[in-house]
Amino acid sequence: MATFAVNVVGAVILGAVATLPAGWLPAHDLAKPAIGTGFCGGLTTFSTMSLEIYKLFPGHPEVAAGYVAASLLAAPLCALGGAMLGQRLKAVAPGRASEPEPEAAKSDRQ
């Protein structure tokens, strides 16, 4: 249960960090990847979840299947919730820098 909780918390953090505008994180270009891949990758652990499922399966296949199903449903939903939180933070924080418009979008208008 602890691994599941950590994985869904990591999904929320990752979703929020992915949507935060520039100015909310340190200005360095690697801030989002460091938090997303580094921190969240270190916090969450697919391998531990896999081992727990492997150990559960022989004696409790229904619990193992439930763990798989809950993980596959909860993680994306929590990432979506985190992304929505990040979007909400953008909206309620006047004066913060916004994300720069991608170059591809600028050239499409021209």
PDB file of N, CA and C in Angstrom:
ATOM      1  N   MET A   1       0.823  -1.194   0.000  1.00  0.00           N
ATOM      2  CA  MET A   1       0.000   0.000   0.000  1.00  0.00           C
ATOM      3  C   MET A   1       0.867   1.258   0.000  1.00  0.00           C
ATOM      4  N   ALA A   2       1.988   1.224   0.673  1.00  0.00           N
ATOM      5  CA  ALA A   2       2.864   2.400   0.719  1.00  0.00           C
ATOM      6  C   ALA A   2       3.413   2.717  -0.670  1.00  0.00           C
ATOM      7  N   THR A   3       3.787   1.700  -1.426  1.00  0.00           N
ATOM      8  CA  THR A   3       4.309   1.924  -2.775  1.00  0.00           C
ATOM      9  C   THR A   3       3.238   2.550  -3.652  1.00  0.00           C
ATOM     10  N   PHE A   4       2.012   2.062  -3.540  1.00  0.00           N
ATOM     11  CA  PHE A   4       0.900   2.618  -4.298  1.00  0.00           C
ATOM     12  C   PHE A   4       0.720   4.099  -3.961  1.00  0.00           C
ATOM     13  N   ALA A   5       0.719   4.421  -2.677  1.00  0.00           N
ATOM     14  CA  ALA A   5       0.537   5.815  -2.244  1.00  0.00           C
ATOM     15  C   ALA A   5       1.651   6.710  -2.779  1.00  0.00           C
ATOM     16  N   VAL A   6       2.881   6.239  -2.681  1.00  0.00           N
ATOM     17  CA  VAL A   6       4.013   7.018  -3.177  1.00  0.00           C
ATOM     18  C   VAL A   6       3.909   7.212  -4.684  1.00  0.00           C
ATOM     19  N   ASN A   7       3.501   6.178  -5.407  1.00  0.00           N
ATOM     20  CA  ASN A   7       3.384   6.283  -6.859  1.00  0.00           C
ATOM     21  C   ASN A   7       2.316   7.285  -7.276  1.00  0.00           C
ATOM     22  N   VAL A   8       1.176   7.318  -6.588  1.00  0.00           N
ATOM     23  CA  VAL A   8       0.149   8.273  -6.975  1.00  0.00           C
ATOM     24  C   VAL A   8       0.531   9.696  -6.553  1.00  0.00           C
ATOM     25  N   VAL A   9       1.213   9.852  -5.433  1.00  0.00           N
ATOM     26  CA  VAL A   9       1.707  11.179  -5.048  1.00  0.00           C
ATOM     27  C   VAL A   9       2.717  11.676  -6.088  1.00  0.00           C
ATOM     28  N   GLY A  10       3.597  10.801  -6.524  1.00  0.00           N
ATOM     29  CA  GLY A  10       4.555  11.160  -7.566  1.00  0.00           C
ATOM     30  C   GLY A  10       3.861  11.565  -8.852  1.00  0.00           C
ATOM     31  N   ALA A  11       2.771  10.896  -9.193  1.00  0.00           N
ATOM     32  CA  ALA A  11       2.017  11.237 -10.397  1.00  0.00           C
ATOM     33  C   ALA A  11       1.400  12.630 -10.278  1.00  0.00           C
ATOM     34  N   VAL A  12       0.893  12.974  -9.109  1.00  0.00           N
ATOM     35  CA  VAL A  12       0.331  14.309  -8.897  1.00  0.00           C
ATOM     36  C   VAL A  12       1.425  15.366  -9.044  1.00  0.00           C
ATOM     37  N   ILE A  13       2.557  15.134  -8.404  1.00  0.00           N
ATOM     38  CA  ILE A  13       3.669  16.093  -8.487  1.00  0.00           C
ATOM     39  C   ILE A  13       4.124  16.247  -9.931  1.00  0.00           C
ATOM     40  N   LEU A  14       4.290  15.149 -10.622  1.00  0.00           N
ATOM     41  CA  LEU A  14       4.740  15.195 -12.015  1.00  0.00           C
ATOM     42  C   LEU A  14       3.742  15.946 -12.898  1.00  0.00           C
ATOM     43  N   GLY A  15       2.464  15.693 -12.716  1.00  0.00           N
ATOM     44  CA  GLY A  15       1.449  16.403 -13.487  1.00  0.00           C
ATOM     45  C   GLY A  15       1.478  17.897 -13.215  1.00  0.00           C
ATOM     46  N   ALA A  16       1.647  18.270 -11.952  1.00  0.00           N
ATOM     47  CA  ALA A  16       1.698  19.698 -11.603  1.00  0.00           C
ATOM     48  C   ALA A  16       2.946  20.362 -12.161  1.00  0.00           C
ATOM     49  N   VAL A  17       4.091  19.720 -11.998  1.00  0.00           N
ATOM     50  CA  VAL A  17       5.349  20.298 -12.470  1.00  0.00           C
ATOM     51  C   VAL A  17       5.338  20.464 -13.989  1.00  0.00           C
ATOM     52  N   ALA A  18       4.746  19.520 -14.686  1.00  0.00           N
ATOM     53  CA  ALA A  18       4.725  19.573 -16.148  1.00  0.00           C
ATOM     54  C   ALA A  18       3.932  20.762 -16.666  1.00  0.00           C
ATOM     55  N   THR A  19       2.993  21.275 -15.873  1.00  0.00           N
ATOM     56  CA  THR A  19       2.150  22.366 -16.354  1.00  0.00           C
ATOM     57  C   THR A  19       2.493  23.721 -15.752  1.00  0.00           C
ATOM     58  N   LEU A  20       3.398  23.764 -14.800  1.00  0.00           N
ATOM     59  CA  LEU A  20       3.743  25.049 -14.195  1.00  0.00           C
ATOM     60  C   LEU A  20       4.437  25.958 -15.196  1.00  0.00           C
ATOM     61  N   PRO A  21       4.106  27.222 -15.168  1.00  0.00           N
ATOM     62  CA  PRO A  21       4.751  28.149 -16.092  1.00  0.00           C
ATOM     63  C   PRO A  21       6.157  28.503 -15.645  1.00  0.00           C
ATOM     64  N   ALA A  22       6.911  29.084 -16.573  1.00  0.00           N
ATOM     65  CA  ALA A  22       8.242  29.585 -16.228  1.00  0.00           C
ATOM     66  C   ALA A  22       8.073  30.592 -15.096  1.00  0.00           C
ATOM     67  N   GLY A  23       9.010  30.655 -14.212  1.00  0.00           N
ATOM     68  CA  GLY A  23       8.944  31.574 -13.092  1.00  0.00           C
ATOM     69  C   GLY A  23       8.509  30.902 -11.800  1.00  0.00           C
ATOM     70  N   TRP A  24       7.864  29.757 -11.900  1.00  0.00           N
ATOM     71  CA  TRP A  24       7.455  29.035 -10.705  1.00  0.00           C
ATOM     72  C   TRP A  24       8.564  28.127 -10.209  1.00  0.00           C
ATOM     73  N   LEU A  25       9.425  27.758 -11.107  1.00  0.00           N
ATOM     74  CA  LEU A  25      10.549  26.887 -10.770  1.00  0.00           C
ATOM     75  C   LEU A  25      11.830  27.674 -11.009  1.00  0.00           C
ATOM     76  N   PRO A  26      12.952  27.188 -10.519  1.00  0.00           N
ATOM     77  CA  PRO A  26      14.206  27.875 -10.818  1.00  0.00           C
ATOM     78  C   PRO A  26      14.355  28.084 -12.325  1.00  0.00           C
ATOM     79  N   ALA A  27      15.005  29.159 -12.693  1.00  0.00           N
ATOM     80  CA  ALA A  27      15.072  29.566 -14.092  1.00  0.00           C
ATOM     81  C   ALA A  27      15.858  28.608 -14.982  1.00  0.00           C
ATOM     82  N   HIS A  28      16.620  27.730 -14.423  1.00  0.00           N
ATOM     83  CA  HIS A  28      17.442  26.824 -15.221  1.00  0.00           C
ATOM     84  C   HIS A  28      16.575  25.935 -16.097  1.00  0.00           C
ATOM     85  N   ASP A  29      17.008  25.704 -17.332  1.00  0.00           N
ATOM     86  CA  ASP A  29      16.252  24.892 -18.293  1.00  0.00           C
ATOM     87  C   ASP A  29      16.023  23.463 -17.825  1.00  0.00           C
ATOM     88  N   LEU A  30      16.847  22.981 -16.932  1.00  0.00           N
ATOM     89  CA  LEU A  30      16.730  21.587 -16.492  1.00  0.00           C
ATOM     90  C   LEU A  30      15.904  21.426 -15.221  1.00  0.00           C
ATOM     91  N   ALA A  31      15.254  22.498 -14.751  1.00  0.00           N
ATOM     92  CA  ALA A  31      14.478  22.398 -13.507  1.00  0.00           C
ATOM     93  C   ALA A  31      13.338  21.396 -13.639  1.00  0.00           C
ATOM     94  N   LYS A  32      12.541  21.511 -14.716  1.00  0.00           N
ATOM     95  CA  LYS A  32      11.418  20.580 -14.875  1.00  0.00           C
ATOM     96  C   LYS A  32      11.894  19.138 -15.050  1.00  0.00           C
ATOM     97  N   PRO A  33      12.876  18.871 -15.925  1.00  0.00           N
ATOM     98  CA  PRO A  33      13.343  17.483 -16.019  1.00  0.00           C
ATOM     99  C   PRO A  33      13.962  16.969 -14.719  1.00  0.00           C
ATOM    100  N   ALA A  34      14.648  17.844 -13.983  1.00  0.00           N
ATOM    101  CA  ALA A  34      15.260  17.402 -12.726  1.00  0.00           C
ATOM    102  C   ALA A  34      14.199  17.007 -11.716  1.00  0.00           C
ATOM    103  N   ILE A  35      13.142  17.790 -11.636  1.00  0.00           N
ATOM    104  CA  ILE A  35      12.070  17.459 -10.697  1.00  0.00           C
ATOM    105  C   ILE A  35      11.250  16.287 -11.224  1.00  0.00           C
ATOM    106  N   GLY A  36      10.892  16.351 -12.515  1.00  0.00           N
ATOM    107  CA  GLY A  36      10.043  15.300 -13.085  1.00  0.00           C
ATOM    108  C   GLY A  36      10.724  13.952 -13.153  1.00  0.00           C
ATOM    109  N   THR A  37      11.861  13.904 -13.833  1.00  0.00           N
ATOM    110  CA  THR A  37      12.558  12.628 -14.000  1.00  0.00           C
ATOM    111  C   THR A  37      13.383  12.276 -12.774  1.00  0.00           C
ATOM    112  N   GLY A  38      14.095  13.254 -12.251  1.00  0.00           N
ATOM    113  CA  GLY A  38      14.976  12.990 -11.111  1.00  0.00           C
ATOM    114  C   GLY A  38      14.223  12.726  -9.825  1.00  0.00           C
ATOM    115  N   PHE A  39      13.517  13.741  -9.327  1.00  0.00           N
ATOM    116  CA  PHE A  39      12.831  13.592  -8.044  1.00  0.00           C
ATOM    117  C   PHE A  39      11.693  12.588  -8.124  1.00  0.00           C
ATOM    118  N   CYS A  40      10.778  12.795  -9.090  1.00  0.00           N
ATOM    119  CA  CYS A  40       9.624  11.896  -9.188  1.00  0.00           C
ATOM    120  C   CYS A  40      10.050  10.486  -9.583  1.00  0.00           C
ATOM    121  N   GLY A  41      11.066  10.389 -10.436  1.00  0.00           N
ATOM    122  CA  GLY A  41      11.574   9.069 -10.807  1.00  0.00           C
ATOM    123  C   GLY A  41      12.192   8.342  -9.627  1.00  0.00           C
ATOM    124  N   GLY A  42      12.861   9.100  -8.760  1.00  0.00           N
ATOM    125  CA  GLY A  42      13.442   8.500  -7.565  1.00  0.00           C
ATOM    126  C   GLY A  42      12.392   8.196  -6.501  1.00  0.00           C
ATOM    127  N   LEU A  43      11.367   9.028  -6.437  1.00  0.00           N
ATOM    128  CA  LEU A  43      10.307   8.841  -5.444  1.00  0.00           C
ATOM    129  C   LEU A  43       9.443   7.634  -5.788  1.00  0.00           C
ATOM    130  N   THR A  44       9.011   7.579  -7.014  1.00  0.00           N
ATOM    131  CA  THR A  44       8.135   6.482  -7.429  1.00  0.00           C
ATOM    132  C   THR A  44       8.987   5.306  -7.895  1.00  0.00           C
ATOM    133  N   THR A  45       8.407   4.138  -7.869  1.00  0.00           N
ATOM    134  CA  THR A  45       9.204   2.979  -8.247  1.00  0.00           C
ATOM    135  C   THR A  45       8.345   1.877  -8.852  1.00  0.00           C
ATOM    136  N   PHE A  46       8.477   1.732 -10.136  1.00  0.00           N
ATOM    137  CA  PHE A  46       7.763   0.683 -10.853  1.00  0.00           C
ATOM    138  C   PHE A  46       8.297  -0.695 -10.472  1.00  0.00           C
ATOM    139  N   SER A  47       9.600  -0.793 -10.263  1.00  0.00           N
ATOM    140  CA  SER A  47      10.188  -2.098  -9.949  1.00  0.00           C
ATOM    141  C   SER A  47       9.693  -2.631  -8.607  1.00  0.00           C
ATOM    142  N   THR A  48       9.554  -1.781  -7.608  1.00  0.00           N
ATOM    143  CA  THR A  48       9.041  -2.236  -6.311  1.00  0.00           C
ATOM    144  C   THR A  48       7.592  -2.671  -6.441  1.00  0.00           C
ATOM    145  N   MET A  49       6.806  -1.907  -7.184  1.00  0.00           N
ATOM    146  CA  MET A  49       5.409  -2.283  -7.406  1.00  0.00           C
ATOM    147  C   MET A  49       5.341  -3.644  -8.104  1.00  0.00           C
ATOM    148  N   SER A  50       6.180  -3.847  -9.097  1.00  0.00           N
ATOM    149  CA  SER A  50       6.194  -5.124  -9.823  1.00  0.00           C
ATOM    150  C   SER A  50       6.538  -6.284  -8.899  1.00  0.00           C
ATOM    151  N   LEU A  51       7.519  -6.081  -8.031  1.00  0.00           N
ATOM    152  CA  LEU A  51       7.900  -7.134  -7.080  1.00  0.00           C
ATOM    153  C   LEU A  51       6.758  -7.426  -6.111  1.00  0.00           C
ATOM    154  N   GLU A  52       6.098  -6.381  -5.635  1.00  0.00           N
ATOM    155  CA  GLU A  52       4.974  -6.596  -4.719  1.00  0.00           C
ATOM    156  C   GLU A  52       3.860  -7.391  -5.395  1.00  0.00           C
ATOM    157  N   ILE A  53       3.579  -7.073  -6.647  1.00  0.00           N
ATOM    158  CA  ILE A  53       2.548  -7.807  -7.389  1.00  0.00           C
ATOM    159  C   ILE A  53       2.977  -9.260  -7.590  1.00  0.00           C
ATOM    160  N   TYR A  54       4.234  -9.457  -7.941  1.00  0.00           N
ATOM    161  CA  TYR A  54       4.772 -10.805  -8.126  1.00  0.00           C
ATOM    162  C   TYR A  54       4.623 -11.629  -6.843  1.00  0.00           C
ATOM    163  N   LYS A  55       4.912 -11.024  -5.695  1.00  0.00           N
ATOM    164  CA  LYS A  55       4.813 -11.744  -4.416  1.00  0.00           C
ATOM    165  C   LYS A  55       3.359 -12.004  -4.030  1.00  0.00           C
ATOM    166  N   LEU A  56       2.460 -11.115  -4.385  1.00  0.00           N
ATOM    167  CA  LEU A  56       1.045 -11.285  -4.055  1.00  0.00           C
ATOM    168  C   LEU A  56       0.368 -12.355  -4.899  1.00  0.00           C
ATOM    169  N   PHE A  57       0.784 -12.471  -6.151  1.00  0.00           N
ATOM    170  CA  PHE A  57       0.055 -13.286  -7.112  1.00  0.00           C
ATOM    171  C   PHE A  57      -0.178 -14.737  -6.702  1.00  0.00           C
ATOM    172  N   PRO A  58       0.838 -15.473  -6.215  1.00  0.00           N
ATOM    173  CA  PRO A  58       0.579 -16.887  -5.903  1.00  0.00           C
ATOM    174  C   PRO A  58      -0.498 -17.112  -4.840  1.00  0.00           C
ATOM    175  N   GLY A  59      -0.486 -16.347  -3.787  1.00  0.00           N
ATOM    176  CA  GLY A  59      -1.460 -16.565  -2.706  1.00  0.00           C
ATOM    177  C   GLY A  59      -2.714 -15.735  -2.810  1.00  0.00           C
ATOM    178  N   HIS A  60      -2.621 -14.600  -3.477  1.00  0.00           N
ATOM    179  CA  HIS A  60      -3.743 -13.665  -3.538  1.00  0.00           C
ATOM    180  C   HIS A  60      -3.864 -13.056  -4.940  1.00  0.00           C
ATOM    181  N   PRO A  61      -4.218 -13.862  -5.928  1.00  0.00           N
ATOM    182  CA  PRO A  61      -4.259 -13.339  -7.300  1.00  0.00           C
ATOM    183  C   PRO A  61      -5.264 -12.206  -7.488  1.00  0.00           C
ATOM    184  N   GLU A  62      -6.374 -12.252  -6.746  1.00  0.00           N
ATOM    185  CA  GLU A  62      -7.363 -11.186  -6.881  1.00  0.00           C
ATOM    186  C   GLU A  62      -6.837  -9.862  -6.332  1.00  0.00           C
ATOM    187  N   VAL A  63      -6.061  -9.912  -5.268  1.00  0.00           N
ATOM    188  CA  VAL A  63      -5.454  -8.696  -4.705  1.00  0.00           C
ATOM    189  C   VAL A  63      -4.397  -8.158  -5.675  1.00  0.00           C
ATOM    190  N   ALA A  64      -3.606  -9.059  -6.239  1.00  0.00           N
ATOM    191  CA  ALA A  64      -2.583  -8.650  -7.203  1.00  0.00           C
ATOM    192  C   ALA A  64      -3.232  -7.991  -8.419  1.00  0.00           C
ATOM    193  N   ALA A  65      -4.308  -8.573  -8.918  1.00  0.00           N
ATOM    194  CA  ALA A  65      -5.013  -8.000 -10.071  1.00  0.00           C
ATOM    195  C   ALA A  65      -5.620  -6.641  -9.715  1.00  0.00           C
ATOM    196  N   GLY A  66      -6.150  -6.541  -8.507  1.00  0.00           N
ATOM    197  CA  GLY A  66      -6.699  -5.261  -8.056  1.00  0.00           C
ATOM    198  C   GLY A  66      -5.621  -4.190  -7.942  1.00  0.00           C
ATOM    199  N   TYR A  67      -4.450  -4.586  -7.478  1.00  0.00           N
ATOM    200  CA  TYR A  67      -3.319  -3.661  -7.347  1.00  0.00           C
ATOM    201  C   TYR A  67      -2.899  -3.146  -8.731  1.00  0.00           C
ATOM    202  N   VAL A  68      -2.837  -4.058  -9.692  1.00  0.00           N
ATOM    203  CA  VAL A  68      -2.482  -3.666 -11.059  1.00  0.00           C
ATOM    204  C   VAL A  68      -3.537  -2.700 -11.602  1.00  0.00           C
ATOM    205  N   ALA A  69      -4.806  -3.067 -11.465  1.00  0.00           N
ATOM    206  CA  ALA A  69      -5.886  -2.229 -11.993  1.00  0.00           C
ATOM    207  C   ALA A  69      -5.912  -0.858 -11.320  1.00  0.00           C
ATOM    208  N   ALA A  70      -5.784  -0.848 -10.004  1.00  0.00           N
ATOM    209  CA  ALA A  70      -5.805   0.426  -9.275  1.00  0.00           C
ATOM    210  C   ALA A  70      -4.628   1.304  -9.684  1.00  0.00           C
ATOM    211  N   SER A  71      -3.463   0.708  -9.856  1.00  0.00           N
ATOM    212  CA  SER A  71      -2.281   1.482 -10.258  1.00  0.00           C
ATOM    213  C   SER A  71      -2.439   2.057 -11.649  1.00  0.00           C
ATOM    214  N   LEU A  72      -2.965   1.246 -12.560  1.00  0.00           N
ATOM    215  CA  LEU A  72      -3.143   1.707 -13.939  1.00  0.00           C
ATOM    216  C   LEU A  72      -4.221   2.787 -14.062  1.00  0.00           C
ATOM    217  N   LEU A  73      -5.177   2.782 -13.152  1.00  0.00           N
ATOM    218  CA  LEU A  73      -6.214   3.816 -13.166  1.00  0.00           C
ATOM    219  C   LEU A  73      -5.797   5.050 -12.373  1.00  0.00           C
ATOM    220  N   ALA A  74      -5.228   4.830 -11.204  1.00  0.00           N
ATOM    221  CA  ALA A  74      -4.932   5.944 -10.304  1.00  0.00           C
ATOM    222  C   ALA A  74      -3.806   6.832 -10.807  1.00  0.00           C
ATOM    223  N   ALA A  75      -2.739   6.257 -11.334  1.00  0.00           N
ATOM    224  CA  ALA A  75      -1.588   7.073 -11.735  1.00  0.00           C
ATOM    225  C   ALA A  75      -1.945   8.100 -12.806  1.00  0.00           C
ATOM    226  N   PRO A  76      -2.595   7.721 -13.910  1.00  0.00           N
ATOM    227  CA  PRO A  76      -2.957   8.745 -14.901  1.00  0.00           C
ATOM    228  C   PRO A  76      -3.968   9.761 -14.365  1.00  0.00           C
ATOM    229  N   LEU A  77      -4.917   9.288 -13.549  1.00  0.00           N
ATOM    230  CA  LEU A  77      -5.887  10.222 -12.978  1.00  0.00           C
ATOM    231  C   LEU A  77      -5.210  11.217 -12.041  1.00  0.00           C
ATOM    232  N   CYS A  78      -4.248  10.742 -11.267  1.00  0.00           N
ATOM    233  CA  CYS A  78      -3.512  11.637 -10.371  1.00  0.00           C
ATOM    234  C   CYS A  78      -2.625  12.591 -11.157  1.00  0.00           C
ATOM    235  N   ALA A  79      -2.028  12.122 -12.234  1.00  0.00           N
ATOM    236  CA  ALA A  79      -1.237  13.017 -13.091  1.00  0.00           C
ATOM    237  C   ALA A  79      -2.143  14.094 -13.681  1.00  0.00           C
ATOM    238  N   LEU A  80      -3.344  13.729 -14.107  1.00  0.00           N
ATOM    239  CA  LEU A  80      -4.310  14.695 -14.612  1.00  0.00           C
ATOM    240  C   LEU A  80      -4.687  15.688 -13.517  1.00  0.00           C
ATOM    241  N   GLY A  81      -4.924  15.186 -12.312  1.00  0.00           N
ATOM    242  CA  GLY A  81      -5.234  16.077 -11.190  1.00  0.00           C
ATOM    243  C   GLY A  81      -4.095  17.038 -10.906  1.00  0.00           C
ATOM    244  N   GLY A  82      -2.874  16.551 -10.958  1.00  0.00           N
ATOM    245  CA  GLY A  82      -1.720  17.420 -10.765  1.00  0.00           C
ATOM    246  C   GLY A  82      -1.606  18.459 -11.868  1.00  0.00           C
ATOM    247  N   ALA A  83      -1.887  18.057 -13.104  1.00  0.00           N
ATOM    248  CA  ALA A  83      -1.857  19.002 -14.228  1.00  0.00           C
ATOM    249  C   ALA A  83      -2.927  20.071 -14.049  1.00  0.00           C
ATOM    250  N   MET A  84      -4.094  19.666 -13.589  1.00  0.00           N
ATOM    251  CA  MET A  84      -5.153  20.637 -13.329  1.00  0.00           C
ATOM    252  C   MET A  84      -4.748  21.594 -12.208  1.00  0.00           C
ATOM    253  N   LEU A  85      -4.078  21.080 -11.199  1.00  0.00           N
ATOM    254  CA  LEU A  85      -3.569  21.923 -10.119  1.00  0.00           C
ATOM    255  C   LEU A  85      -2.553  22.925 -10.658  1.00  0.00           C
ATOM    256  N   GLY A  86      -1.651  22.469 -11.502  1.00  0.00           N
ATOM    257  CA  GLY A  86      -0.673  23.360 -12.108  1.00  0.00           C
ATOM    258  C   GLY A  86      -1.333  24.449 -12.933  1.00  0.00           C
ATOM    259  N   GLN A  87      -2.362  24.094 -13.700  1.00  0.00           N
ATOM    260  CA  GLN A  87      -3.099  25.078 -14.482  1.00  0.00           C
ATOM    261  C   GLN A  87      -3.808  26.082 -13.576  1.00  0.00           C
ATOM    262  N   ARG A  88      -4.332  25.591 -12.486  1.00  0.00           N
ATOM    263  CA  ARG A  88      -5.020  26.469 -11.520  1.00  0.00           C
ATOM    264  C   ARG A  88      -4.033  27.443 -10.890  1.00  0.00           C
ATOM    265  N   LEU A  89      -2.841  26.964 -10.578  1.00  0.00           N
ATOM    266  CA  LEU A  89      -1.819  27.840 -10.012  1.00  0.00           C
ATOM    267  C   LEU A  89      -1.440  28.936 -11.001  1.00  0.00           C
ATOM    268  N   LYS A  90      -1.411  28.603 -12.280  1.00  0.00           N
ATOM    269  CA  LYS A  90      -1.133  29.614 -13.305  1.00  0.00           C
ATOM    270  C   LYS A  90      -2.187  30.705 -13.276  1.00  0.00           C
ATOM    271  N   ALA A  91      -3.436  30.302 -13.155  1.00  0.00           N
ATOM    272  CA  ALA A  91      -4.549  31.238 -13.242  1.00  0.00           C
ATOM    273  C   ALA A  91      -4.647  32.168 -12.033  1.00  0.00           C
ATOM    274  N   VAL A  92      -4.243  31.702 -10.861  1.00  0.00           N
ATOM    275  CA  VAL A  92      -4.425  32.499  -9.642  1.00  0.00           C
ATOM    276  C   VAL A  92      -3.179  33.277  -9.240  1.00  0.00           C
ATOM    277  N   ALA A  93      -2.156  33.254 -10.049  1.00  0.00           N
ATOM    278  CA  ALA A  93      -0.909  33.910  -9.674  1.00  0.00           C
ATOM    279  C   ALA A  93      -0.584  35.044 -10.632  1.00  0.00           C
ATOM    280  N   PRO A  94      -1.226  36.182 -10.470  1.00  0.00           N
ATOM    281  CA  PRO A  94      -0.900  37.298 -11.347  1.00  0.00           C
ATOM    282  C   PRO A  94       0.526  37.759 -11.116  1.00  0.00           C
ATOM    283  N   GLY A  95       1.143  38.211 -12.182  1.00  0.00           N
ATOM    284  CA  GLY A  95       2.503  38.725 -12.059  1.00  0.00           C
ATOM    285  C   GLY A  95       3.578  37.679 -12.262  1.00  0.00           C
ATOM    286  N   ARG A  96       3.210  36.422 -12.305  1.00  0.00           N
ATOM    287  CA  ARG A  96       4.197  35.375 -12.583  1.00  0.00           C
ATOM    288  C   ARG A  96       4.429  35.316 -14.076  1.00  0.00           C
ATOM    289  N   ALA A  97       5.632  34.980 -14.469  1.00  0.00           N
ATOM    290  CA  ALA A  97       5.938  34.855 -15.897  1.00  0.00           C
ATOM    291  C   ALA A  97       5.152  33.701 -16.483  1.00  0.00           C
ATOM    292  N   SER A  98       4.718  33.848 -17.708  1.00  0.00           N
ATOM    293  CA  SER A  98       4.009  32.755 -18.374  1.00  0.00           C
ATOM    294  C   SER A  98       4.982  32.004 -19.261  1.00  0.00           C
ATOM    295  N   GLU A  99       4.556  30.822 -19.670  1.00  0.00           N
ATOM    296  CA  GLU A  99       5.380  29.990 -20.539  1.00  0.00           C
ATOM    297  C   GLU A  99       5.627  30.734 -21.848  1.00  0.00           C
ATOM    298  N   PRO A 100       6.834  30.724 -22.356  1.00  0.00           N
ATOM    299  CA  PRO A 100       7.060  31.324 -23.669  1.00  0.00           C
ATOM    300  C   PRO A 100       6.367  30.487 -24.743  1.00  0.00           C
ATOM    301  N   GLU A 101       5.878  31.152 -25.774  1.00  0.00           N
ATOM    302  CA  GLU A 101       5.206  30.459 -26.858  1.00  0.00           C
ATOM    303  C   GLU A 101       6.232  29.692 -27.671  1.00  0.00           C
ATOM    304  N   PRO A 102       5.962  28.418 -27.986  1.00  0.00           N
ATOM    305  CA  PRO A 102       6.905  27.639 -28.775  1.00  0.00           C
ATOM    306  C   PRO A 102       7.137  28.286 -30.138  1.00  0.00           C
ATOM    307  N   GLU A 103       8.336  28.173 -30.648  1.00  0.00           N
ATOM    308  CA  GLU A 103       8.702  28.750 -31.936  1.00  0.00           C
ATOM    309  C   GLU A 103       7.830  28.201 -33.063  1.00  0.00           C
ATOM    310  N   ALA A 104       7.489  26.931 -32.993  1.00  0.00           N
ATOM    311  CA  ALA A 104       6.675  26.312 -34.038  1.00  0.00           C
ATOM    312  C   ALA A 104       5.311  26.988 -34.132  1.00  0.00           C
ATOM    313  N   ALA A 105       4.729  27.345 -33.002  1.00  0.00           N
ATOM    314  CA  ALA A 105       3.429  28.005 -33.008  1.00  0.00           C
ATOM    315  C   ALA A 105       3.533  29.396 -33.599  1.00  0.00           C
ATOM    316  N   LYS A 106       4.629  30.091 -33.322  1.00  0.00           N
ATOM    317  CA  LYS A 106       4.825  31.432 -33.888  1.00  0.00           C
ATOM    318  C   LYS A 106       4.944  31.368 -35.403  1.00  0.00           C
ATOM    319  N   SER A 107       5.706  30.399 -35.893  1.00  0.00           N
ATOM    320  CA  SER A 107       5.925  30.307 -37.345  1.00  0.00           C
ATOM    321  C   SER A 107       4.671  29.843 -38.071  1.00  0.00           C
ATOM    322  N   ASP A 108       3.788  29.096 -37.405  1.00  0.00           N
ATOM    323  CA  ASP A 108       2.547  28.651 -38.035  1.00  0.00           C
ATOM    324  C   ASP A 108       1.623  29.822 -38.323  1.00  0.00           C
ATOM    325  N   ARG A 109       1.673  30.866 -37.508  1.00  0.00           N
ATOM    326  CA  ARG A 109       0.801  32.029 -37.693  1.00  0.00           C
ATOM    327  C   ARG A 109       1.300  32.935 -38.812  1.00  0.00           C
ATOM    328  N   GLN A 110       2.561  32.862 -39.136  1.00  0.00           N
ATOM    329  CA  GLN A 110       3.136  33.773 -40.138  1.00  0.00           C
ATOM    330  C   GLN A 110       2.900  33.307 -41.535  1.00  0.00           C
TER     331      GLN A 110
END
